[in-house]
Amino acid sequence: RGRGHERTRPLRMSDDDDYDAADSGAADCTPIEAGAVKMGKFLMIKGKPCKVIDVSKAKVGKHGAAKCHFIGTDIFSGKKLEAICPASAQLAEPIVDRAEYQLVDISDDDYVTMMDTSNNMREDLKMPEDDALCKKIREAFDSGDDTLLTVLKAVGSEMIIDLKAGAK
């Protein structure tokens, strides 16, 4: 007999499930080979959706694999992130969506009320953290002009990134 390693029932595969499959983010991405990534494309770097601003490929030695070096900016925070991987590696390309909404109201706690083209209202997004953009949105709202807000959506996050004058 082992030293106290007795099992009262057999181990099942479900006993080992230690991950949250629903929150993996995989449904919001498409696979892409590292060697196929070009500047301007989107790529998941360190779990963040990034726009690739620099790509370099290096052959490594006689028997080494080609390596790819990516530099990207996080599309939500603007931070620069880097990744190095073999050219044959499978990476994740986030599905990035842009939508335009008409600005309807700004609440006291900085939530924005917007309306899409189908007249559906939404009030779940806060003002952007960018102070200059916040100021522009407030000025446009206070002037009473029709204003369209551009919302960027990727891997479960959404953020207001731009505004423009609506139809007069």
C-alpha atoms as a PDB file:
ATOM      1  CA  ARG A   1       0.000   0.000   0.000  1.00  0.00           C
ATOM      2  CA  GLY A   2       1.002   3.600  -0.709  1.00  0.00           C
ATOM      3  CA  ARG A   3       1.444   6.124   2.033  1.00  0.00           C
ATOM      4  CA  GLY A   4      -2.035   7.543   2.412  1.00  0.00           C
ATOM      5  CA  HIS A   5      -2.643   7.874  -1.322  1.00  0.00           C
ATOM      6  CA  GLU A   6      -5.814   5.836  -1.326  1.00  0.00           C
ATOM      7  CA  ARG A   7      -8.565   6.875  -3.689  1.00  0.00           C
ATOM      8  CA  THR A   8     -12.161   6.254  -2.821  1.00  0.00           C
ATOM      9  CA  ARG A   9     -13.230   6.714  -6.445  1.00  0.00           C
ATOM     10  CA  PRO A  10     -11.438   6.820  -9.792  1.00  0.00           C
ATOM     11  CA  LEU A  11     -10.166  10.214 -11.017  1.00  0.00           C
ATOM     12  CA  ARG A  12     -12.337  11.602 -13.779  1.00  0.00           C
ATOM     13  CA  MET A  13     -11.259  14.020 -16.474  1.00  0.00           C
ATOM     14  CA  SER A  14     -13.686  16.641 -15.173  1.00  0.00           C
ATOM     15  CA  ASP A  15     -11.841  16.664 -11.832  1.00  0.00           C
ATOM     16  CA  ASP A  16      -8.870  18.312 -13.548  1.00  0.00           C
ATOM     17  CA  ASP A  17     -10.723  21.133 -15.310  1.00  0.00           C
ATOM     18  CA  ASP A  18      -8.932  24.111 -13.860  1.00  0.00           C
ATOM     19  CA  TYR A  19      -9.632  26.704 -16.525  1.00  0.00           C
ATOM     20  CA  ASP A  20     -12.436  29.039 -17.396  1.00  0.00           C
ATOM     21  CA  ALA A  21     -13.238  28.109 -20.982  1.00  0.00           C
ATOM     22  CA  ALA A  22     -15.868  30.819 -21.384  1.00  0.00           C
ATOM     23  CA  ASP A  23     -13.427  33.612 -20.589  1.00  0.00           C
ATOM     24  CA  SER A  24     -10.513  32.446 -22.737  1.00  0.00           C
ATOM     25  CA  GLY A  25     -11.160  35.201 -25.290  1.00  0.00           C
ATOM     26  CA  ALA A  26     -10.610  32.673 -28.083  1.00  0.00           C
ATOM     27  CA  ALA A  27     -14.040  33.305 -29.625  1.00  0.00           C
ATOM     28  CA  ASP A  28     -13.065  36.947 -30.185  1.00  0.00           C
ATOM     29  CA  CYS A  29      -9.942  36.022 -32.168  1.00  0.00           C
ATOM     30  CA  THR A  30      -8.921  34.244 -35.356  1.00  0.00           C
ATOM     31  CA  PRO A  31      -5.701  32.227 -35.681  1.00  0.00           C
ATOM     32  CA  ILE A  32      -2.854  33.703 -37.722  1.00  0.00           C
ATOM     33  CA  GLU A  33       0.647  32.401 -38.357  1.00  0.00           C
ATOM     34  CA  ALA A  34       3.370  34.691 -36.977  1.00  0.00           C
ATOM     35  CA  GLY A  35       5.098  34.883 -40.379  1.00  0.00           C
ATOM     36  CA  ALA A  36       1.905  36.257 -41.972  1.00  0.00           C
ATOM     37  CA  VAL A  37       1.488  39.220 -39.599  1.00  0.00           C
ATOM     38  CA  LYS A  38       1.948  42.591 -41.345  1.00  0.00           C
ATOM     39  CA  MET A  39       2.207  46.152 -40.071  1.00  0.00           C
ATOM     40  CA  GLY A  40      -1.201  47.702 -39.432  1.00  0.00           C
ATOM     41  CA  LYS A  41      -2.849  44.364 -38.583  1.00  0.00           C
ATOM     42  CA  PHE A  42      -4.215  43.565 -35.130  1.00  0.00           C
ATOM     43  CA  LEU A  43      -2.548  40.983 -32.890  1.00  0.00           C
ATOM     44  CA  MET A  44      -2.955  39.773 -29.314  1.00  0.00           C
ATOM     45  CA  ILE A  45       0.269  40.623 -27.448  1.00  0.00           C
ATOM     46  CA  LYS A  46       0.476  39.623 -23.780  1.00  0.00           C
ATOM     47  CA  GLY A  47      -3.302  39.190 -23.704  1.00  0.00           C
ATOM     48  CA  LYS A  48      -4.031  42.692 -25.044  1.00  0.00           C
ATOM     49  CA  PRO A  49      -5.427  43.593 -28.486  1.00  0.00           C
ATOM     50  CA  CYS A  50      -2.725  45.610 -30.265  1.00  0.00           C
ATOM     51  CA  LYS A  51      -2.226  47.314 -33.610  1.00  0.00           C
ATOM     52  CA  VAL A  52       1.112  46.164 -35.038  1.00  0.00           C
ATOM     53  CA  ILE A  53       3.424  49.130 -35.684  1.00  0.00           C
ATOM     54  CA  ASP A  54       6.657  47.230 -36.412  1.00  0.00           C
ATOM     55  CA  VAL A  55       7.489  43.728 -37.646  1.00  0.00           C
ATOM     56  CA  SER A  56      10.979  42.310 -38.061  1.00  0.00           C
ATOM     57  CA  LYS A  57      11.949  38.778 -39.050  1.00  0.00           C
ATOM     58  CA  ALA A  58      15.336  37.214 -38.322  1.00  0.00           C
ATOM     59  CA  LYS A  59      16.846  33.928 -39.483  1.00  0.00           C
ATOM     60  CA  VAL A  60      18.597  32.317 -36.548  1.00  0.00           C
ATOM     61  CA  GLY A  61      21.659  30.163 -37.310  1.00  0.00           C
ATOM     62  CA  LYS A  62      22.113  27.123 -39.516  1.00  0.00           C
ATOM     63  CA  HIS A  63      19.457  24.966 -37.848  1.00  0.00           C
ATOM     64  CA  GLY A  64      17.457  27.642 -36.060  1.00  0.00           C
ATOM     65  CA  ALA A  65      13.942  28.691 -36.923  1.00  0.00           C
ATOM     66  CA  ALA A  66      13.098  32.146 -38.223  1.00  0.00           C
ATOM     67  CA  LYS A  67      11.972  34.436 -35.414  1.00  0.00           C
ATOM     68  CA  CYS A  68       9.473  37.269 -35.649  1.00  0.00           C
ATOM     69  CA  HIS A  69       9.621  40.370 -33.458  1.00  0.00           C
ATOM     70  CA  PHE A  70       6.434  42.426 -33.128  1.00  0.00           C
ATOM     71  CA  ILE A  71       5.905  45.841 -31.589  1.00  0.00           C
ATOM     72  CA  GLY A  72       2.304  46.928 -31.150  1.00  0.00           C
ATOM     73  CA  THR A  73       0.272  49.547 -29.339  1.00  0.00           C
ATOM     74  CA  ASP A  74      -2.626  48.463 -27.143  1.00  0.00           C
ATOM     75  CA  ILE A  75      -5.750  49.747 -28.919  1.00  0.00           C
ATOM     76  CA  PHE A  76      -7.381  50.689 -25.614  1.00  0.00           C
ATOM     77  CA  SER A  77      -4.535  52.049 -23.462  1.00  0.00           C
ATOM     78  CA  GLY A  78      -2.027  53.137 -26.114  1.00  0.00           C
ATOM     79  CA  LYS A  79       0.847  51.314 -24.337  1.00  0.00           C
ATOM     80  CA  LYS A  80       3.616  49.762 -26.442  1.00  0.00           C
ATOM     81  CA  LEU A  81       3.973  45.982 -26.153  1.00  0.00           C
ATOM     82  CA  GLU A  82       6.499  43.578 -27.705  1.00  0.00           C
ATOM     83  CA  ALA A  83       6.480  39.893 -28.607  1.00  0.00           C
ATOM     84  CA  ILE A  84       9.106  37.557 -30.075  1.00  0.00           C
ATOM     85  CA  CYS A  85       8.145  34.129 -31.408  1.00  0.00           C
ATOM     86  CA  PRO A  86       9.021  31.578 -34.118  1.00  0.00           C
ATOM     87  CA  ALA A  87       7.638  32.428 -37.575  1.00  0.00           C
ATOM     88  CA  SER A  88       5.639  29.181 -37.581  1.00  0.00           C
ATOM     89  CA  ALA A  89       3.870  29.956 -34.264  1.00  0.00           C
ATOM     90  CA  GLN A  90       0.082  30.252 -34.255  1.00  0.00           C
ATOM     91  CA  LEU A  91      -0.963  33.615 -32.807  1.00  0.00           C
ATOM     92  CA  ALA A  92      -4.350  35.186 -32.174  1.00  0.00           C
ATOM     93  CA  GLU A  93      -5.646  38.058 -34.276  1.00  0.00           C
ATOM     94  CA  PRO A  94      -8.420  39.893 -32.371  1.00  0.00           C
ATOM     95  CA  ILE A  95     -11.635  40.666 -34.194  1.00  0.00           C
ATOM     96  CA  VAL A  96     -11.853  44.453 -33.940  1.00  0.00           C
ATOM     97  CA  ASP A  97     -15.176  46.123 -34.633  1.00  0.00           C
ATOM     98  CA  ARG A  98     -16.019  49.806 -35.028  1.00  0.00           C
ATOM     99  CA  ALA A  99     -19.518  51.154 -34.622  1.00  0.00           C
ATOM    100  CA  GLU A 100     -20.957  54.648 -34.736  1.00  0.00           C
ATOM    101  CA  TYR A 101     -23.590  55.872 -32.330  1.00  0.00           C
ATOM    102  CA  GLN A 102     -25.405  59.172 -32.021  1.00  0.00           C
ATOM    103  CA  LEU A 103     -24.695  61.008 -28.767  1.00  0.00           C
ATOM    104  CA  VAL A 104     -27.931  61.481 -26.812  1.00  0.00           C
ATOM    105  CA  ASP A 105     -26.911  62.394 -23.252  1.00  0.00           C
ATOM    106  CA  ILE A 106     -24.069  62.440 -20.738  1.00  0.00           C
ATOM    107  CA  SER A 107     -25.032  61.537 -17.160  1.00  0.00           C
ATOM    108  CA  ASP A 108     -23.627  63.141 -13.999  1.00  0.00           C
ATOM    109  CA  ASP A 109     -21.504  60.032 -13.366  1.00  0.00           C
ATOM    110  CA  ASP A 110     -19.969  60.262 -16.889  1.00  0.00           C
ATOM    111  CA  TYR A 111     -21.988  57.491 -18.543  1.00  0.00           C
ATOM    112  CA  VAL A 112     -22.825  58.247 -22.166  1.00  0.00           C
ATOM    113  CA  THR A 113     -26.270  57.573 -23.612  1.00  0.00           C
ATOM    114  CA  MET A 114     -26.020  56.675 -27.302  1.00  0.00           C
ATOM    115  CA  MET A 115     -28.353  55.516 -30.056  1.00  0.00           C
ATOM    116  CA  ASP A 116     -27.447  53.233 -32.964  1.00  0.00           C
ATOM    117  CA  THR A 117     -28.874  53.391 -36.499  1.00  0.00           C
ATOM    118  CA  SER A 118     -31.743  51.055 -35.477  1.00  0.00           C
ATOM    119  CA  ASN A 119     -32.772  53.509 -32.704  1.00  0.00           C
ATOM    120  CA  ASN A 120     -31.562  51.145 -29.962  1.00  0.00           C
ATOM    121  CA  MET A 121     -30.322  53.018 -26.908  1.00  0.00           C
ATOM    122  CA  ARG A 122     -27.335  52.067 -24.794  1.00  0.00           C
ATOM    123  CA  GLU A 123     -26.020  53.626 -21.602  1.00  0.00           C
ATOM    124  CA  ASP A 124     -23.264  51.204 -20.588  1.00  0.00           C
ATOM    125  CA  LEU A 125     -20.137  53.076 -21.709  1.00  0.00           C
ATOM    126  CA  LYS A 126     -18.299  55.715 -19.703  1.00  0.00           C
ATOM    127  CA  MET A 127     -16.629  58.791 -21.133  1.00  0.00           C
ATOM    128  CA  PRO A 128     -13.142  58.002 -22.503  1.00  0.00           C
ATOM    129  CA  GLU A 129     -10.116  58.476 -20.236  1.00  0.00           C
ATOM    130  CA  ASP A 130      -8.484  60.762 -22.803  1.00  0.00           C
ATOM    131  CA  ASP A 131      -9.121  64.274 -21.368  1.00  0.00           C
ATOM    132  CA  ALA A 132      -8.901  66.033 -24.750  1.00  0.00           C
ATOM    133  CA  LEU A 133     -11.505  63.686 -26.286  1.00  0.00           C
ATOM    134  CA  CYS A 134     -13.746  64.073 -23.193  1.00  0.00           C
ATOM    135  CA  LYS A 135     -13.621  67.841 -23.555  1.00  0.00           C
ATOM    136  CA  LYS A 136     -14.521  67.660 -27.278  1.00  0.00           C
ATOM    137  CA  ILE A 137     -17.473  65.348 -26.554  1.00  0.00           C
ATOM    138  CA  ARG A 138     -18.773  67.650 -23.772  1.00  0.00           C
ATOM    139  CA  GLU A 139     -18.416  70.741 -25.999  1.00  0.00           C
ATOM    140  CA  ALA A 140     -20.268  69.030 -28.854  1.00  0.00           C
ATOM    141  CA  PHE A 141     -23.026  67.903 -26.462  1.00  0.00           C
ATOM    142  CA  ASP A 142     -23.355  71.368 -24.856  1.00  0.00           C
ATOM    143  CA  SER A 143     -23.604  73.047 -28.285  1.00  0.00           C
ATOM    144  CA  GLY A 144     -26.575  70.826 -29.141  1.00  0.00           C
ATOM    145  CA  ASP A 145     -25.071  69.670 -32.465  1.00  0.00           C
ATOM    146  CA  ASP A 146     -25.703  66.147 -33.720  1.00  0.00           C
ATOM    147  CA  THR A 147     -22.600  64.170 -32.818  1.00  0.00           C
ATOM    148  CA  LEU A 148     -21.551  60.672 -33.832  1.00  0.00           C
ATOM    149  CA  LEU A 149     -19.293  58.721 -31.457  1.00  0.00           C
ATOM    150  CA  THR A 150     -17.019  55.964 -32.760  1.00  0.00           C
ATOM    151  CA  VAL A 151     -16.877  52.937 -30.455  1.00  0.00           C
ATOM    152  CA  LEU A 152     -14.081  50.399 -30.808  1.00  0.00           C
ATOM    153  CA  LYS A 153     -14.828  46.832 -29.663  1.00  0.00           C
ATOM    154  CA  ALA A 154     -12.372  43.943 -29.245  1.00  0.00           C
ATOM    155  CA  VAL A 155     -12.075  40.881 -26.979  1.00  0.00           C
ATOM    156  CA  GLY A 156     -14.996  41.865 -24.773  1.00  0.00           C
ATOM    157  CA  SER A 157     -13.965  45.495 -24.209  1.00  0.00           C
ATOM    158  CA  GLU A 158     -15.466  48.619 -25.707  1.00  0.00           C
ATOM    159  CA  MET A 159     -14.301  52.227 -25.667  1.00  0.00           C
ATOM    160  CA  ILE A 160     -15.268  55.521 -27.277  1.00  0.00           C
ATOM    161  CA  ILE A 161     -12.298  56.511 -29.441  1.00  0.00           C
ATOM    162  CA  ASP A 162     -13.499  59.391 -31.634  1.00  0.00           C
ATOM    163  CA  LEU A 163     -16.315  61.752 -32.499  1.00  0.00           C
ATOM    164  CA  LYS A 164     -17.496  63.594 -35.580  1.00  0.00           C
ATOM    165  CA  ALA A 165     -20.297  65.931 -36.514  1.00  0.00           C
ATOM    166  CA  GLY A 166     -23.518  64.163 -37.434  1.00  0.00           C
ATOM    167  CA  ALA A 167     -25.880  64.947 -40.319  1.00  0.00           C
ATOM    168  CA  LYS A 168     -27.339  68.431 -40.204  1.00  0.00           C
END
